Structures are given as C-alpha cells and as structure tokens.
N, C-alpha and C. Protein backbone atom coordinates (compact mmCIF):
# COMPACT_ATOMS: atom_id res chain seq x y z
N MET A 1 -88.51 -111.14 -205.66
CA MET A 1 -86.86 -111.04 -206.57
C MET A 1 -85.79 -110.22 -205.89
N ASN A 2 -84.69 -110.93 -205.86
CA ASN A 2 -84.06 -109.83 -205.31
C ASN A 2 -83.54 -109.06 -206.03
N SER A 3 -82.68 -108.03 -205.58
CA SER A 3 -82.07 -106.94 -206.34
C SER A 3 -81.05 -107.16 -207.52
N HIS A 4 -80.44 -108.12 -207.17
CA HIS A 4 -79.75 -108.98 -208.35
C HIS A 4 -80.14 -109.65 -209.61
N THR A 5 -81.37 -110.24 -208.92
CA THR A 5 -82.51 -110.54 -210.55
C THR A 5 -82.60 -109.94 -211.14
N THR A 6 -83.38 -108.81 -210.24
CA THR A 6 -83.97 -107.45 -210.86
C THR A 6 -82.73 -106.94 -212.11
N ALA A 7 -81.96 -106.57 -211.55
CA ALA A 7 -81.16 -105.68 -212.30
C ALA A 7 -80.88 -106.64 -213.49
N LEU A 8 -80.43 -107.77 -213.38
CA LEU A 8 -79.81 -108.93 -214.39
C LEU A 8 -80.96 -108.80 -215.43
N LEU A 9 -82.43 -108.65 -215.22
CA LEU A 9 -83.82 -108.70 -216.00
C LEU A 9 -83.87 -107.52 -216.77
N LYS A 10 -83.60 -106.43 -215.85
CA LYS A 10 -83.18 -105.15 -216.59
C LYS A 10 -82.25 -104.79 -218.10
N LYS A 11 -81.28 -105.45 -217.62
CA LYS A 11 -80.01 -105.89 -218.71
C LYS A 11 -80.55 -106.18 -219.60
N THR A 12 -80.96 -107.45 -219.47
CA THR A 12 -81.41 -108.39 -220.60
C THR A 12 -82.52 -107.82 -221.11
N LEU A 13 -83.84 -107.08 -220.61
CA LEU A 13 -84.82 -106.40 -221.54
C LEU A 13 -84.34 -105.35 -222.29
N SER A 14 -83.30 -104.91 -221.88
CA SER A 14 -82.65 -103.24 -222.84
C SER A 14 -81.63 -104.14 -223.74
N ALA A 15 -81.02 -105.59 -223.78
CA ALA A 15 -80.68 -105.89 -224.92
C ALA A 15 -81.67 -106.12 -225.55
N LEU A 16 -82.70 -106.79 -225.66
CA LEU A 16 -83.17 -107.23 -226.39
C LEU A 16 -84.09 -106.32 -227.17
N THR A 17 -84.84 -105.12 -226.43
CA THR A 17 -84.97 -104.35 -227.12
C THR A 17 -84.50 -102.97 -228.17
N LEU A 18 -82.73 -103.08 -227.58
CA LEU A 18 -81.95 -102.75 -228.60
C LEU A 18 -81.66 -103.66 -229.80
N ALA A 19 -81.67 -105.13 -229.93
CA ALA A 19 -81.48 -105.87 -230.28
C ALA A 19 -82.49 -105.56 -231.51
N GLY A 20 -83.77 -105.83 -231.19
CA GLY A 20 -84.91 -105.69 -232.21
C GLY A 20 -85.30 -104.18 -232.67
N ALA A 21 -84.63 -103.04 -232.14
CA ALA A 21 -84.09 -102.04 -232.83
C ALA A 21 -83.47 -102.06 -233.98
N MET A 22 -82.35 -102.57 -233.85
CA MET A 22 -81.35 -102.31 -234.59
C MET A 22 -81.15 -103.62 -235.53
N ALA A 23 -82.76 -104.81 -235.54
CA ALA A 23 -82.48 -105.35 -236.14
C ALA A 23 -83.86 -105.08 -237.41
N LEU A 24 -84.70 -103.66 -237.42
CA LEU A 24 -86.19 -103.77 -238.31
C LEU A 24 -85.26 -103.73 -239.42
N PRO A 25 -86.35 -104.47 -240.46
CA PRO A 25 -86.08 -104.64 -241.68
C PRO A 25 -86.58 -103.15 -241.94
N ALA A 26 -85.71 -102.82 -243.72
CA ALA A 26 -86.18 -101.68 -244.42
C ALA A 26 -86.97 -101.19 -244.70
N ALA A 27 -87.93 -102.28 -244.88
CA ALA A 27 -89.42 -101.93 -244.71
C ALA A 27 -89.94 -101.03 -243.43
N HIS A 28 -89.69 -101.05 -242.96
CA HIS A 28 -90.06 -100.56 -241.33
C HIS A 28 -89.37 -98.99 -240.86
N ALA A 29 -88.78 -98.71 -241.99
CA ALA A 29 -87.46 -97.63 -241.02
C ALA A 29 -88.09 -96.29 -241.55
N ALA A 30 -87.81 -95.20 -241.23
CA ALA A 30 -88.44 -93.89 -242.00
C ALA A 30 -88.25 -93.58 -243.05
N PRO A 31 -88.84 -93.11 -244.04
CA PRO A 31 -89.06 -92.99 -245.43
C PRO A 31 -87.66 -91.83 -245.22
N MET A 32 -87.38 -91.72 -246.20
CA MET A 32 -85.84 -90.42 -246.40
C MET A 32 -86.52 -89.40 -246.80
N THR A 33 -86.07 -88.69 -246.24
CA THR A 33 -86.60 -87.43 -246.95
C THR A 33 -85.90 -86.86 -248.17
N ASP A 34 -87.02 -85.81 -248.87
CA ASP A 34 -85.94 -85.29 -249.77
C ASP A 34 -84.27 -85.03 -250.22
N ALA A 35 -84.81 -83.71 -249.07
CA ALA A 35 -83.12 -83.41 -249.05
C ALA A 35 -82.05 -84.32 -248.16
N ALA A 36 -82.34 -85.48 -247.75
CA ALA A 36 -81.50 -85.68 -247.60
C ALA A 36 -81.37 -87.25 -248.73
N LEU A 37 -82.25 -87.00 -249.66
CA LEU A 37 -82.01 -87.68 -250.79
C LEU A 37 -80.95 -87.26 -251.88
N VAL A 38 -81.36 -86.12 -251.99
CA VAL A 38 -80.85 -85.13 -252.86
C VAL A 38 -79.31 -84.86 -252.32
N GLY A 39 -78.99 -84.72 -251.64
CA GLY A 39 -77.57 -84.95 -250.99
C GLY A 39 -76.38 -86.11 -250.71
N GLN A 40 -77.45 -86.97 -251.35
CA GLN A 40 -76.69 -88.71 -250.89
C GLN A 40 -76.49 -88.75 -252.65
N VAL A 41 -77.78 -88.67 -253.61
CA VAL A 41 -77.17 -88.32 -254.84
C VAL A 41 -75.68 -87.40 -255.25
N GLN A 42 -76.03 -86.15 -254.59
CA GLN A 42 -74.54 -85.35 -255.17
C GLN A 42 -73.46 -85.95 -254.76
N THR A 43 -73.60 -86.23 -253.11
CA THR A 43 -72.65 -86.98 -253.05
C THR A 43 -72.05 -87.87 -253.33
N ALA A 44 -72.58 -88.69 -254.13
CA ALA A 44 -72.59 -90.40 -255.10
C ALA A 44 -71.72 -89.13 -256.73
N ILE A 45 -72.27 -88.18 -257.40
CA ILE A 45 -72.04 -87.74 -258.17
C ILE A 45 -70.62 -87.17 -258.00
N LEU A 46 -70.34 -86.30 -257.20
CA LEU A 46 -69.07 -85.46 -256.14
C LEU A 46 -67.91 -86.60 -256.20
N GLN A 47 -68.23 -87.89 -255.76
CA GLN A 47 -67.50 -89.11 -255.60
C GLN A 47 -66.93 -89.58 -256.49
N ASP A 48 -67.35 -89.60 -257.68
CA ASP A 48 -67.36 -90.89 -258.77
C ASP A 48 -66.62 -90.23 -259.57
N GLN A 49 -65.20 -91.25 -259.49
CA GLN A 49 -63.83 -90.46 -260.50
C GLN A 49 -63.94 -90.28 -261.94
N LYS A 50 -64.82 -90.66 -262.57
CA LYS A 50 -64.87 -90.80 -264.00
C LYS A 50 -65.74 -89.73 -264.52
N LEU A 51 -66.58 -88.70 -263.46
CA LEU A 51 -66.98 -87.30 -263.71
C LEU A 51 -65.76 -86.59 -263.77
N VAL A 52 -65.50 -85.50 -264.14
CA VAL A 52 -64.25 -84.43 -264.57
C VAL A 52 -65.20 -83.19 -263.83
N LYS A 53 -65.38 -82.68 -262.96
CA LYS A 53 -65.90 -81.14 -262.44
C LYS A 53 -67.33 -81.25 -262.74
N PRO A 54 -67.85 -82.21 -262.12
CA PRO A 54 -69.91 -81.42 -262.76
C PRO A 54 -70.53 -80.51 -261.97
N GLU A 55 -71.19 -80.04 -262.98
CA GLU A 55 -72.00 -78.75 -262.08
C GLU A 55 -73.43 -79.73 -262.37
N ILE A 56 -73.62 -80.27 -261.39
CA ILE A 56 -75.12 -80.68 -261.22
C ILE A 56 -76.03 -80.50 -260.65
N LYS A 57 -77.22 -80.19 -260.69
CA LYS A 57 -78.13 -79.89 -259.53
C LYS A 57 -79.16 -81.18 -259.70
N VAL A 58 -79.35 -81.17 -258.43
CA VAL A 58 -80.03 -82.43 -258.28
C VAL A 58 -81.49 -82.16 -257.66
N GLU A 59 -82.73 -82.51 -258.48
CA GLU A 59 -84.18 -82.49 -257.52
C GLU A 59 -84.64 -83.03 -257.65
N VAL A 60 -85.68 -83.01 -256.44
CA VAL A 60 -86.14 -84.84 -256.70
C VAL A 60 -88.00 -84.58 -256.38
N GLN A 61 -88.56 -85.31 -256.89
CA GLN A 61 -90.18 -85.20 -257.58
C GLN A 61 -90.43 -86.26 -256.72
N PRO A 62 -91.97 -86.58 -256.90
CA PRO A 62 -92.47 -87.27 -255.84
C PRO A 62 -92.23 -88.95 -256.02
N GLY A 63 -91.84 -89.72 -255.06
CA GLY A 63 -91.85 -91.28 -254.93
C GLY A 63 -90.17 -91.28 -256.14
N GLY A 64 -89.10 -90.36 -255.58
CA GLY A 64 -87.81 -90.66 -255.52
C GLY A 64 -87.32 -90.63 -257.41
N ARG A 65 -88.36 -89.57 -257.87
CA ARG A 65 -87.81 -89.49 -259.22
C ARG A 65 -87.03 -88.14 -259.14
N ILE A 66 -85.58 -88.67 -260.24
CA ILE A 66 -84.50 -87.66 -260.00
C ILE A 66 -84.31 -87.13 -261.20
N HIS A 67 -84.37 -85.44 -261.39
CA HIS A 67 -84.07 -84.46 -262.23
C HIS A 67 -82.49 -84.39 -262.10
N LEU A 68 -82.08 -84.11 -263.24
CA LEU A 68 -80.57 -83.81 -263.12
C LEU A 68 -80.32 -82.52 -263.88
N THR A 69 -79.82 -81.25 -263.77
CA THR A 69 -79.71 -80.45 -264.96
C THR A 69 -78.39 -79.66 -264.94
N GLY A 70 -77.54 -79.42 -265.45
CA GLY A 70 -76.60 -78.43 -265.44
C GLY A 70 -75.29 -79.01 -266.52
N TRP A 71 -74.30 -79.10 -265.85
CA TRP A 71 -73.13 -79.55 -267.23
C TRP A 71 -72.05 -80.09 -266.83
N VAL A 72 -72.21 -81.02 -267.63
CA VAL A 72 -70.62 -81.70 -267.24
C VAL A 72 -69.52 -81.70 -268.37
N HIS A 73 -68.37 -82.73 -268.24
CA HIS A 73 -66.91 -82.17 -269.25
C HIS A 73 -67.57 -82.77 -270.73
N ASN A 74 -68.19 -83.98 -270.83
CA ASN A 74 -68.32 -84.46 -272.19
C ASN A 74 -69.69 -85.29 -272.19
N THR A 75 -70.17 -86.00 -273.42
CA THR A 75 -71.44 -86.57 -273.36
C THR A 75 -71.24 -87.76 -272.68
N ASP A 76 -70.55 -88.68 -272.56
CA ASP A 76 -70.20 -89.40 -271.69
C ASP A 76 -70.29 -89.76 -270.28
N ASP A 77 -70.11 -88.16 -270.27
CA ASP A 77 -70.73 -87.98 -268.51
C ASP A 77 -71.60 -87.97 -268.09
N ILE A 78 -72.44 -87.54 -269.18
CA ILE A 78 -73.88 -87.43 -269.37
C ILE A 78 -75.03 -88.83 -268.64
N ASN A 79 -74.12 -89.53 -269.20
CA ASN A 79 -74.65 -90.99 -269.02
C ASN A 79 -74.33 -91.58 -267.68
N GLU A 80 -72.94 -91.50 -267.68
CA GLU A 80 -72.65 -91.44 -266.10
C GLU A 80 -73.12 -91.12 -264.43
N ALA A 81 -74.03 -89.52 -265.20
CA ALA A 81 -74.45 -88.86 -264.26
C ALA A 81 -75.08 -89.82 -263.93
N ALA A 82 -75.75 -90.14 -264.96
CA ALA A 82 -77.76 -90.60 -264.65
C ALA A 82 -77.56 -92.08 -264.02
N TYR A 83 -76.26 -92.90 -264.31
CA TYR A 83 -75.59 -94.03 -264.10
C TYR A 83 -75.57 -94.06 -262.09
N VAL A 84 -74.71 -93.17 -261.94
CA VAL A 84 -74.71 -92.98 -260.57
C VAL A 84 -75.38 -92.63 -259.45
N ALA A 85 -76.30 -91.67 -259.94
CA ALA A 85 -77.85 -91.00 -259.65
C ALA A 85 -78.50 -92.37 -258.94
N SER A 86 -78.87 -93.18 -260.68
CA SER A 86 -79.75 -94.62 -260.59
C SER A 86 -79.24 -95.12 -259.47
N ARG A 87 -78.03 -95.14 -259.33
CA ARG A 87 -77.42 -96.45 -257.93
C ARG A 87 -77.43 -96.14 -256.84
N VAL A 88 -78.63 -95.08 -256.12
CA VAL A 88 -78.07 -94.48 -254.95
C VAL A 88 -79.46 -94.92 -254.53
N GLU A 89 -79.71 -95.61 -252.93
CA GLU A 89 -80.91 -96.33 -252.12
C GLU A 89 -82.13 -94.90 -252.44
N GLY A 90 -82.93 -95.31 -253.07
CA GLY A 90 -84.63 -94.37 -252.78
C GLY A 90 -84.76 -93.59 -254.08
N VAL A 91 -83.78 -93.97 -254.87
CA VAL A 91 -83.98 -93.27 -256.54
C VAL A 91 -84.56 -94.28 -256.99
N SER A 92 -85.37 -94.04 -257.96
CA SER A 92 -87.24 -95.00 -258.46
C SER A 92 -86.82 -94.44 -259.91
N SER A 93 -86.09 -93.53 -260.41
CA SER A 93 -86.33 -93.25 -261.53
C SER A 93 -85.05 -91.70 -261.60
N VAL A 94 -83.89 -91.40 -263.26
CA VAL A 94 -83.68 -90.45 -263.22
C VAL A 94 -83.58 -89.92 -264.81
N THR A 95 -83.88 -88.63 -264.70
CA THR A 95 -83.98 -87.47 -265.87
C THR A 95 -82.68 -87.23 -266.25
N THR A 96 -82.57 -86.79 -267.42
CA THR A 96 -81.17 -86.06 -267.33
C THR A 96 -81.57 -84.68 -268.24
N PHE A 97 -81.10 -83.67 -267.67
CA PHE A 97 -81.13 -82.72 -268.62
C PHE A 97 -79.94 -81.44 -268.77
N LEU A 98 -78.79 -82.63 -268.79
CA LEU A 98 -77.34 -81.92 -268.63
C LEU A 98 -76.98 -82.27 -270.24
N ARG A 99 -75.74 -81.11 -270.04
CA ARG A 99 -75.38 -80.85 -271.45
C ARG A 99 -73.75 -81.04 -270.85
N SER A 100 -73.14 -80.67 -272.30
CA SER A 100 -71.86 -81.29 -272.02
C SER A 100 -70.73 -79.91 -272.41
N TRP A 101 -69.80 -79.44 -271.85
CA TRP A 101 -69.40 -78.42 -272.66
C TRP A 101 -68.56 -78.98 -273.68
N THR A 102 -67.83 -80.09 -274.35
CA THR A 102 -67.06 -80.80 -275.14
C THR A 102 -67.64 -81.89 -275.67
N THR A 103 -67.49 -82.17 -277.01
CA THR A 103 -67.94 -83.58 -277.51
C THR A 103 -66.80 -84.50 -276.95
N ASN A 104 -66.71 -86.00 -276.88
CA ASN A 104 -66.38 -87.16 -277.08
C ASN A 104 -65.14 -86.95 -277.25
N ASP A 105 -64.09 -86.86 -276.19
CA ASP A 105 -62.46 -87.07 -276.63
C ASP A 105 -61.98 -88.32 -277.72
C-alpha cells in the first residue's frame, strides 16, 4: 500500500468512527447525573414565561423523580411549574410541595 492509500484509509476510518459515535441511540448514552437533571429543570422553570418570579427548589429522587418545594405567585403557577418540570427529558414524575403567595387573580 502506498502512502496516499494509507492516508485515505486513515481518514475514512476516522470519519466512520466519528459518524458511529454521533449516531449512538439514546439508550447507549451515559445516564444523566442528578445535578444535571436539577440544572435542566431549574432552567426550564426560570425560562417559562408564565411563571412570575418563582422561588423553587428542585430535588431529584432515585429514578428521575422530581420534588419541587418553595413559593410561586399563585395557585395556577403550581400546576405550571409541575408541567414544565415534567417535560424535561429524564424526569419520570413530579411531586410539588409548592405554596403560592396569592390566590388566583
């Protein structure tokens, strides 16, 4: 084999290896850490436009179960926070221990 063929073969193998690594199904992906899941849920809650200044603590229990504690603006926000958290990938269930500052407007 000449040097040109060897170089081409190395590039092809490298590209195939990269493509195979990128195409791994989610089942083979590394499991999400609790800290990463907390961060994703907190980010989703803070980015939700319906929630008004939520003060929510997120805790992860085994199996992706999420517990939300803290305060929200009104009772509708309790349901909204639970819904938002439940939509995050890796969350299996959401339990809320949230309280509202006011009643619904």
